[in-house]
Amino acid sequence: DKLVENLHEDKDLALRGALAFLRSFILTLPSGKQNTFAAHNPPVFIALRAGKGLPRNLATAFERPVYPRDKSLSGHSAEALMVEWKKFDDVFGRLDDERTAIVNLTDGEIDCPKENSKGKIEDILRVAEEAIRKMLEIKEE
């Protein structure tokens, strides 16, 4: 709502800006210490929830460190995040108009919302666009 207000009620511009930010957030790689580490790694796990539901911080998934044993560290991390996500949903519920999308390139087995469990970046952006359009009451083009 504040973004739309700051953009003089231009909902289409707010939609385009939000989607551009999301795409950049997903695709931007950290640039620090590239000469030392060459960490040109795109994300292997992306989870999106869009809508007007209760915001959640899943940092508590890592109060206890995860250790790679039978799976990769990224696989265990994805699993820990999704377990935490499910705990919050079980306690606080989930609104019908919330949309989710997940890209999982890890070896972790995740129990995730069924809307989109192994999508592509374009799927994440499509789900986000649908949710933003609904929140801003912008009709499909």
N, C-alpha and C. Protein backbone atom coordinates (compact mmCIF):
# COMPACT_ATOMS: atom_id res chain seq x y z
N ASP A 1 0.82 -1.20 0.00
CA ASP A 1 0.00 0.00 0.00
C ASP A 1 0.86 1.26 0.00
N LYS A 2 1.94 1.23 0.79
CA LYS A 2 2.81 2.41 0.86
C LYS A 2 3.53 2.63 -0.47
N LEU A 3 3.92 1.56 -1.14
CA LEU A 3 4.58 1.71 -2.44
C LEU A 3 3.63 2.40 -3.43
N VAL A 4 2.39 1.95 -3.47
CA VAL A 4 1.40 2.56 -4.37
C VAL A 4 1.22 4.03 -4.01
N GLU A 5 1.13 4.31 -2.73
CA GLU A 5 0.99 5.71 -2.29
C GLU A 5 2.18 6.54 -2.74
N ASN A 6 3.40 6.02 -2.57
CA ASN A 6 4.61 6.74 -2.96
C ASN A 6 4.72 6.94 -4.46
N LEU A 7 4.05 6.09 -5.22
CA LEU A 7 4.07 6.18 -6.68
C LEU A 7 2.83 6.90 -7.21
N HIS A 8 2.24 7.75 -6.39
CA HIS A 8 1.08 8.56 -6.77
C HIS A 8 -0.07 7.70 -7.28
N GLU A 9 -0.31 6.59 -6.57
CA GLU A 9 -1.43 5.68 -6.86
C GLU A 9 -1.31 4.96 -8.20
N ASP A 10 -0.10 4.88 -8.74
CA ASP A 10 0.11 4.17 -10.01
C ASP A 10 0.33 2.68 -9.70
N LYS A 11 -0.75 1.92 -9.72
CA LYS A 11 -0.70 0.50 -9.36
C LYS A 11 0.10 -0.33 -10.36
N ASP A 12 0.00 0.01 -11.63
CA ASP A 12 0.77 -0.73 -12.65
C ASP A 12 2.27 -0.54 -12.45
N LEU A 13 2.68 0.66 -12.12
CA LEU A 13 4.09 0.92 -11.86
C LEU A 13 4.54 0.18 -10.60
N ALA A 14 3.70 0.14 -9.58
CA ALA A 14 4.03 -0.59 -8.36
C ALA A 14 4.20 -2.08 -8.66
N LEU A 15 3.32 -2.63 -9.47
CA LEU A 15 3.42 -4.04 -9.87
C LEU A 15 4.73 -4.29 -10.60
N ARG A 16 5.02 -3.48 -11.60
CA ARG A 16 6.27 -3.66 -12.37
C ARG A 16 7.50 -3.50 -11.48
N GLY A 17 7.46 -2.54 -10.58
CA GLY A 17 8.59 -2.32 -9.67
C GLY A 17 8.79 -3.48 -8.72
N ALA A 18 7.70 -4.00 -8.17
CA ALA A 18 7.80 -5.13 -7.24
C ALA A 18 8.36 -6.37 -7.95
N LEU A 19 7.89 -6.60 -9.16
CA LEU A 19 8.38 -7.77 -9.91
C LEU A 19 9.84 -7.59 -10.33
N ALA A 20 10.23 -6.39 -10.69
CA ALA A 20 11.64 -6.12 -11.04
C ALA A 20 12.53 -6.33 -9.82
N PHE A 21 12.06 -5.86 -8.65
CA PHE A 21 12.83 -6.07 -7.43
C PHE A 21 12.97 -7.56 -7.15
N LEU A 22 11.87 -8.30 -7.23
CA LEU A 22 11.91 -9.73 -6.94
C LEU A 22 12.86 -10.47 -7.88
N ARG A 23 12.76 -10.18 -9.16
CA ARG A 23 13.66 -10.82 -10.14
C ARG A 23 15.12 -10.50 -9.80
N SER A 24 15.42 -9.24 -9.51
CA SER A 24 16.78 -8.83 -9.17
C SER A 24 17.25 -9.49 -7.88
N PHE A 25 16.37 -9.58 -6.91
CA PHE A 25 16.70 -10.21 -5.63
C PHE A 25 17.11 -11.66 -5.83
N ILE A 26 16.39 -12.35 -6.71
CA ILE A 26 16.69 -13.76 -6.97
C ILE A 26 17.99 -13.93 -7.76
N LEU A 27 18.20 -13.06 -8.75
CA LEU A 27 19.30 -13.26 -9.69
C LEU A 27 20.60 -12.53 -9.34
N THR A 28 20.58 -11.64 -8.37
CA THR A 28 21.78 -10.89 -8.03
C THR A 28 22.70 -11.75 -7.17
N LEU A 29 23.95 -11.82 -7.56
CA LEU A 29 24.94 -12.61 -6.82
C LEU A 29 25.82 -11.67 -6.00
N PRO A 30 26.15 -12.05 -4.77
CA PRO A 30 27.05 -11.22 -3.97
C PRO A 30 28.37 -11.00 -4.71
N SER A 31 28.92 -9.80 -4.60
CA SER A 31 30.14 -9.50 -5.34
C SER A 31 31.39 -9.47 -4.45
N GLY A 32 31.22 -9.57 -3.16
CA GLY A 32 32.38 -9.52 -2.27
C GLY A 32 33.28 -10.73 -2.41
N LYS A 33 34.56 -10.49 -2.39
CA LYS A 33 35.60 -11.53 -2.40
C LYS A 33 35.52 -12.50 -3.57
N GLN A 34 35.06 -12.04 -4.73
CA GLN A 34 34.95 -12.93 -5.88
C GLN A 34 36.32 -13.45 -6.32
N ASN A 35 37.36 -12.65 -6.18
CA ASN A 35 38.68 -13.12 -6.58
C ASN A 35 39.17 -14.26 -5.70
N THR A 36 38.75 -14.27 -4.46
CA THR A 36 39.18 -15.32 -3.54
C THR A 36 38.30 -16.56 -3.62
N PHE A 37 36.98 -16.36 -3.68
CA PHE A 37 36.07 -17.49 -3.57
C PHE A 37 35.36 -17.85 -4.87
N ALA A 38 35.26 -16.93 -5.81
CA ALA A 38 34.54 -17.16 -7.08
C ALA A 38 33.17 -17.78 -6.85
N ALA A 39 32.44 -17.20 -5.93
CA ALA A 39 31.13 -17.73 -5.55
C ALA A 39 30.04 -17.22 -6.48
N HIS A 40 30.07 -17.69 -7.69
CA HIS A 40 29.06 -17.30 -8.69
C HIS A 40 27.94 -18.32 -8.67
N ASN A 41 27.36 -18.53 -7.49
CA ASN A 41 26.35 -19.56 -7.33
C ASN A 41 24.96 -18.95 -7.27
N PRO A 42 24.10 -19.27 -8.21
CA PRO A 42 22.71 -18.83 -8.08
C PRO A 42 22.05 -19.61 -6.94
N PRO A 43 20.92 -19.12 -6.44
CA PRO A 43 20.27 -19.81 -5.32
C PRO A 43 19.79 -21.20 -5.72
N VAL A 44 19.91 -22.14 -4.79
CA VAL A 44 19.45 -23.50 -5.04
C VAL A 44 18.10 -23.76 -4.37
N PHE A 45 17.64 -22.81 -3.56
CA PHE A 45 16.33 -22.95 -2.93
C PHE A 45 15.70 -21.57 -2.81
N ILE A 46 14.51 -21.43 -3.35
CA ILE A 46 13.78 -20.17 -3.29
C ILE A 46 12.36 -20.51 -2.85
N ALA A 47 11.88 -19.84 -1.83
CA ALA A 47 10.50 -20.04 -1.38
C ALA A 47 9.83 -18.68 -1.31
N LEU A 48 8.64 -18.60 -1.85
CA LEU A 48 7.89 -17.35 -1.89
C LEU A 48 6.49 -17.58 -1.33
N ARG A 49 6.08 -16.68 -0.49
CA ARG A 49 4.67 -16.63 -0.07
C ARG A 49 4.22 -15.21 -0.31
N ALA A 50 3.14 -15.05 -1.05
CA ALA A 50 2.63 -13.72 -1.36
C ALA A 50 1.17 -13.64 -0.98
N GLY A 51 0.79 -12.53 -0.44
CA GLY A 51 -0.59 -12.30 -0.02
C GLY A 51 -0.60 -11.43 1.21
N LYS A 52 -1.76 -11.26 1.79
CA LYS A 52 -1.88 -10.38 2.95
C LYS A 52 -1.91 -11.16 4.26
N GLY A 53 -1.40 -12.37 4.26
CA GLY A 53 -1.38 -13.17 5.47
C GLY A 53 -0.34 -12.67 6.47
N LEU A 54 -0.27 -13.33 7.59
CA LEU A 54 0.65 -12.98 8.66
C LEU A 54 2.09 -13.21 8.19
N PRO A 55 2.93 -12.17 8.20
CA PRO A 55 4.33 -12.37 7.81
C PRO A 55 5.02 -13.34 8.77
N ARG A 56 5.98 -14.07 8.25
CA ARG A 56 6.70 -15.04 9.07
C ARG A 56 8.19 -14.90 8.87
N ASN A 57 8.92 -15.03 9.94
CA ASN A 57 10.38 -15.05 9.89
C ASN A 57 10.81 -16.47 10.20
N LEU A 58 11.42 -17.13 9.25
CA LEU A 58 11.79 -18.53 9.41
C LEU A 58 13.20 -18.72 9.96
N ALA A 59 13.81 -17.65 10.46
CA ALA A 59 15.17 -17.75 11.01
C ALA A 59 15.25 -18.75 12.16
N THR A 60 14.14 -18.95 12.86
CA THR A 60 14.14 -19.91 13.97
C THR A 60 14.41 -21.34 13.51
N ALA A 61 14.33 -21.58 12.22
CA ALA A 61 14.65 -22.91 11.70
C ALA A 61 16.11 -23.26 11.96
N PHE A 62 16.93 -22.25 12.22
CA PHE A 62 18.37 -22.48 12.39
C PHE A 62 18.87 -22.16 13.79
N GLU A 63 17.94 -22.16 14.77
CA GLU A 63 18.39 -22.00 16.15
C GLU A 63 19.32 -23.14 16.54
N ARG A 64 19.02 -24.31 16.01
CA ARG A 64 19.93 -25.44 16.12
C ARG A 64 20.58 -25.61 14.76
N PRO A 65 21.89 -25.61 14.70
CA PRO A 65 22.57 -25.73 13.39
C PRO A 65 22.20 -27.04 12.69
N VAL A 66 22.19 -26.99 11.38
CA VAL A 66 21.99 -28.22 10.59
C VAL A 66 23.36 -28.73 10.18
N TYR A 67 23.50 -30.03 10.20
CA TYR A 67 24.78 -30.66 9.85
C TYR A 67 24.57 -31.63 8.69
N PRO A 68 25.40 -31.53 7.66
CA PRO A 68 25.26 -32.46 6.55
C PRO A 68 25.74 -33.85 6.94
N ARG A 69 24.90 -34.80 6.77
CA ARG A 69 25.28 -36.19 7.00
C ARG A 69 24.94 -36.99 5.75
N ASP A 70 23.68 -37.33 5.61
CA ASP A 70 23.25 -38.13 4.47
C ASP A 70 22.85 -37.26 3.28
N LYS A 71 22.74 -35.94 3.50
CA LYS A 71 22.37 -35.01 2.44
C LYS A 71 23.31 -33.82 2.50
N SER A 72 23.20 -32.96 1.49
CA SER A 72 24.02 -31.75 1.46
C SER A 72 23.53 -30.76 2.52
N LEU A 73 24.38 -29.79 2.83
CA LEU A 73 24.00 -28.74 3.76
C LEU A 73 22.80 -27.97 3.21
N SER A 74 22.79 -27.70 1.91
CA SER A 74 21.65 -26.98 1.33
C SER A 74 20.37 -27.82 1.41
N GLY A 75 20.49 -29.12 1.24
CA GLY A 75 19.31 -29.99 1.36
C GLY A 75 18.74 -29.98 2.77
N HIS A 76 19.61 -30.10 3.76
CA HIS A 76 19.15 -30.04 5.16
C HIS A 76 18.57 -28.67 5.49
N SER A 77 19.16 -27.62 4.95
CA SER A 77 18.67 -26.27 5.21
C SER A 77 17.28 -26.07 4.62
N ALA A 78 17.06 -26.53 3.39
CA ALA A 78 15.74 -26.42 2.77
C ALA A 78 14.70 -27.18 3.58
N GLU A 79 15.07 -28.38 4.04
CA GLU A 79 14.15 -29.16 4.85
C GLU A 79 13.82 -28.43 6.16
N ALA A 80 14.83 -27.86 6.82
CA ALA A 80 14.60 -27.14 8.08
C ALA A 80 13.67 -25.95 7.87
N LEU A 81 13.87 -25.21 6.78
CA LEU A 81 12.99 -24.08 6.49
C LEU A 81 11.55 -24.52 6.29
N MET A 82 11.34 -25.59 5.54
CA MET A 82 9.99 -26.03 5.25
C MET A 82 9.30 -26.62 6.48
N VAL A 83 10.06 -27.28 7.36
CA VAL A 83 9.49 -27.77 8.62
C VAL A 83 9.01 -26.59 9.46
N GLU A 84 9.83 -25.54 9.51
CA GLU A 84 9.46 -24.34 10.27
C GLU A 84 8.23 -23.67 9.64
N TRP A 85 8.21 -23.58 8.33
CA TRP A 85 7.09 -22.99 7.60
C TRP A 85 5.79 -23.73 7.97
N LYS A 86 5.86 -25.07 7.94
CA LYS A 86 4.68 -25.88 8.24
C LYS A 86 4.24 -25.69 9.69
N LYS A 87 5.19 -25.58 10.62
CA LYS A 87 4.82 -25.35 12.03
C LYS A 87 4.05 -24.04 12.17
N PHE A 88 4.51 -22.98 11.53
CA PHE A 88 3.81 -21.71 11.59
C PHE A 88 2.41 -21.83 10.97
N ASP A 89 2.31 -22.50 9.82
CA ASP A 89 1.01 -22.68 9.19
C ASP A 89 0.06 -23.46 10.09
N ASP A 90 0.57 -24.50 10.74
CA ASP A 90 -0.26 -25.32 11.62
C ASP A 90 -0.81 -24.51 12.79
N VAL A 91 0.00 -23.62 13.34
CA VAL A 91 -0.41 -22.83 14.50
C VAL A 91 -1.22 -21.60 14.11
N PHE A 92 -0.74 -20.85 13.12
CA PHE A 92 -1.35 -19.57 12.78
C PHE A 92 -2.30 -19.64 11.59
N GLY A 93 -2.29 -20.76 10.90
CA GLY A 93 -3.16 -20.90 9.74
C GLY A 93 -2.59 -20.23 8.51
N ARG A 94 -3.36 -20.34 7.45
CA ARG A 94 -2.96 -19.80 6.16
C ARG A 94 -4.20 -19.24 5.50
N LEU A 95 -4.11 -18.04 4.98
CA LEU A 95 -5.25 -17.44 4.32
C LEU A 95 -5.47 -18.06 2.95
N ASP A 96 -6.72 -18.12 2.55
CA ASP A 96 -7.05 -18.73 1.26
C ASP A 96 -6.42 -18.01 0.08
N ASP A 97 -6.22 -16.70 0.21
CA ASP A 97 -5.69 -15.95 -0.93
C ASP A 97 -4.17 -15.90 -0.96
N GLU A 98 -3.50 -16.54 -0.01
CA GLU A 98 -2.04 -16.58 -0.05
C GLU A 98 -1.59 -17.53 -1.16
N ARG A 99 -0.53 -17.14 -1.84
CA ARG A 99 0.02 -17.94 -2.92
C ARG A 99 1.45 -18.30 -2.58
N THR A 100 1.87 -19.49 -2.93
CA THR A 100 3.24 -19.92 -2.67
C THR A 100 3.85 -20.48 -3.95
N ALA A 101 5.17 -20.39 -4.01
CA ALA A 101 5.93 -21.00 -5.09
C ALA A 101 7.30 -21.35 -4.54
N ILE A 102 7.83 -22.47 -4.96
CA ILE A 102 9.11 -22.94 -4.45
C ILE A 102 9.94 -23.48 -5.60
N VAL A 103 11.22 -23.12 -5.60
CA VAL A 103 12.20 -23.72 -6.49
C VAL A 103 13.16 -24.48 -5.58
N ASN A 104 13.27 -25.78 -5.79
CA ASN A 104 14.13 -26.60 -4.95
C ASN A 104 15.10 -27.39 -5.82
N LEU A 105 16.34 -26.95 -5.84
CA LEU A 105 17.38 -27.66 -6.58
C LEU A 105 18.28 -28.47 -5.65
N THR A 106 17.90 -28.58 -4.39
CA THR A 106 18.71 -29.31 -3.42
C THR A 106 18.33 -30.78 -3.44
N ASP A 107 19.06 -31.58 -2.68
CA ASP A 107 18.69 -32.99 -2.52
C ASP A 107 17.77 -33.17 -1.31
N GLY A 108 17.32 -32.06 -0.73
CA GLY A 108 16.41 -32.14 0.40
C GLY A 108 15.01 -32.54 -0.03
N GLU A 109 14.38 -33.33 0.82
CA GLU A 109 12.99 -33.72 0.58
C GLU A 109 12.12 -32.77 1.37
N ILE A 110 11.33 -32.00 0.67
CA ILE A 110 10.54 -30.99 1.36
C ILE A 110 9.06 -31.29 1.21
N ASP A 111 8.36 -31.09 2.30
CA ASP A 111 6.91 -31.18 2.30
C ASP A 111 6.43 -29.75 2.13
N CYS A 112 5.98 -29.43 0.93
CA CYS A 112 5.69 -28.03 0.64
C CYS A 112 4.27 -27.88 0.12
N PRO A 113 3.78 -26.64 0.15
CA PRO A 113 2.47 -26.39 -0.44
C PRO A 113 2.46 -26.88 -1.88
N LYS A 114 1.37 -27.40 -2.32
CA LYS A 114 1.31 -28.09 -3.60
C LYS A 114 1.16 -27.19 -4.81
N GLU A 115 0.97 -25.88 -4.62
CA GLU A 115 0.75 -25.02 -5.78
C GLU A 115 1.88 -25.13 -6.79
N ASN A 116 3.10 -25.17 -6.28
CA ASN A 116 4.24 -25.15 -7.19
C ASN A 116 5.46 -25.61 -6.43
N SER A 117 5.77 -26.88 -6.47
CA SER A 117 6.82 -27.40 -5.61
C SER A 117 8.20 -27.44 -6.24
N LYS A 118 8.31 -27.51 -7.54
CA LYS A 118 9.63 -27.55 -8.17
C LYS A 118 9.58 -26.72 -9.44
N GLY A 119 9.39 -25.45 -9.28
CA GLY A 119 9.18 -24.60 -10.43
C GLY A 119 10.44 -23.97 -10.96
N LYS A 120 10.23 -22.93 -11.70
CA LYS A 120 11.29 -22.13 -12.29
C LYS A 120 11.13 -20.71 -11.79
N ILE A 121 12.13 -19.90 -12.04
CA ILE A 121 12.06 -18.51 -11.61
C ILE A 121 10.83 -17.84 -12.20
N GLU A 122 10.50 -18.15 -13.44
CA GLU A 122 9.32 -17.55 -14.06
C GLU A 122 8.05 -17.96 -13.32
N ASP A 123 8.02 -19.17 -12.76
CA ASP A 123 6.86 -19.60 -11.97
C ASP A 123 6.74 -18.77 -10.70
N ILE A 124 7.87 -18.51 -10.05
CA ILE A 124 7.88 -17.68 -8.84
C ILE A 124 7.33 -16.29 -9.19
N LEU A 125 7.81 -15.72 -10.27
CA LEU A 125 7.37 -14.38 -10.67
C LEU A 125 5.89 -14.38 -11.07
N ARG A 126 5.43 -15.44 -11.71
CA ARG A 126 4.02 -15.53 -12.09
C ARG A 126 3.13 -15.56 -10.85
N VAL A 127 3.51 -16.37 -9.86
CA VAL A 127 2.74 -16.46 -8.62
C VAL A 127 2.74 -15.12 -7.90
N ALA A 128 3.90 -14.48 -7.85
CA ALA A 128 3.99 -13.16 -7.21
C ALA A 128 3.12 -12.16 -7.94
N GLU A 129 3.15 -12.17 -9.26
CA GLU A 129 2.34 -11.23 -10.03
C GLU A 129 0.85 -11.44 -9.78
N GLU A 130 0.42 -12.70 -9.74
CA GLU A 130 -0.99 -12.99 -9.47
C GLU A 130 -1.40 -12.44 -8.11
N ALA A 131 -0.56 -12.65 -7.11
CA ALA A 131 -0.88 -12.19 -5.75
C ALA A 131 -0.90 -10.67 -5.67
N ILE A 132 0.07 -10.02 -6.31
CA ILE A 132 0.13 -8.56 -6.28
C ILE A 132 -1.06 -7.97 -7.03
N ARG A 133 -1.40 -8.55 -8.18
CA ARG A 133 -2.56 -8.08 -8.93
C ARG A 133 -3.83 -8.17 -8.06
N LYS A 134 -3.96 -9.28 -7.35
CA LYS A 134 -5.13 -9.45 -6.49
C LYS A 134 -5.14 -8.42 -5.37
N MET A 135 -3.99 -8.22 -4.71
CA MET A 135 -3.93 -7.26 -3.61
C MET A 135 -4.21 -5.85 -4.09
N LEU A 136 -3.73 -5.49 -5.27
CA LEU A 136 -3.89 -4.13 -5.79
C LEU A 136 -5.15 -3.98 -6.64
N GLU A 137 -5.87 -5.09 -6.82
CA GLU A 137 -7.09 -5.09 -7.63
C GLU A 137 -6.82 -4.60 -9.05
N ILE A 138 -5.76 -5.21 -9.67
CA ILE A 138 -5.41 -4.92 -11.06
C ILE A 138 -5.88 -6.11 -11.88
N LYS A 139 -6.63 -5.86 -12.91
CA LYS A 139 -7.14 -6.94 -13.77
C LYS A 139 -6.02 -7.50 -14.63
N GLU A 140 -6.16 -8.79 -14.98
CA GLU A 140 -5.21 -9.46 -15.88
C GLU A 140 -5.21 -8.75 -17.23
N GLU A 141 -4.03 -8.71 -17.85
CA GLU A 141 -3.93 -8.09 -19.19
C GLU A 141 -4.20 -9.09 -20.27
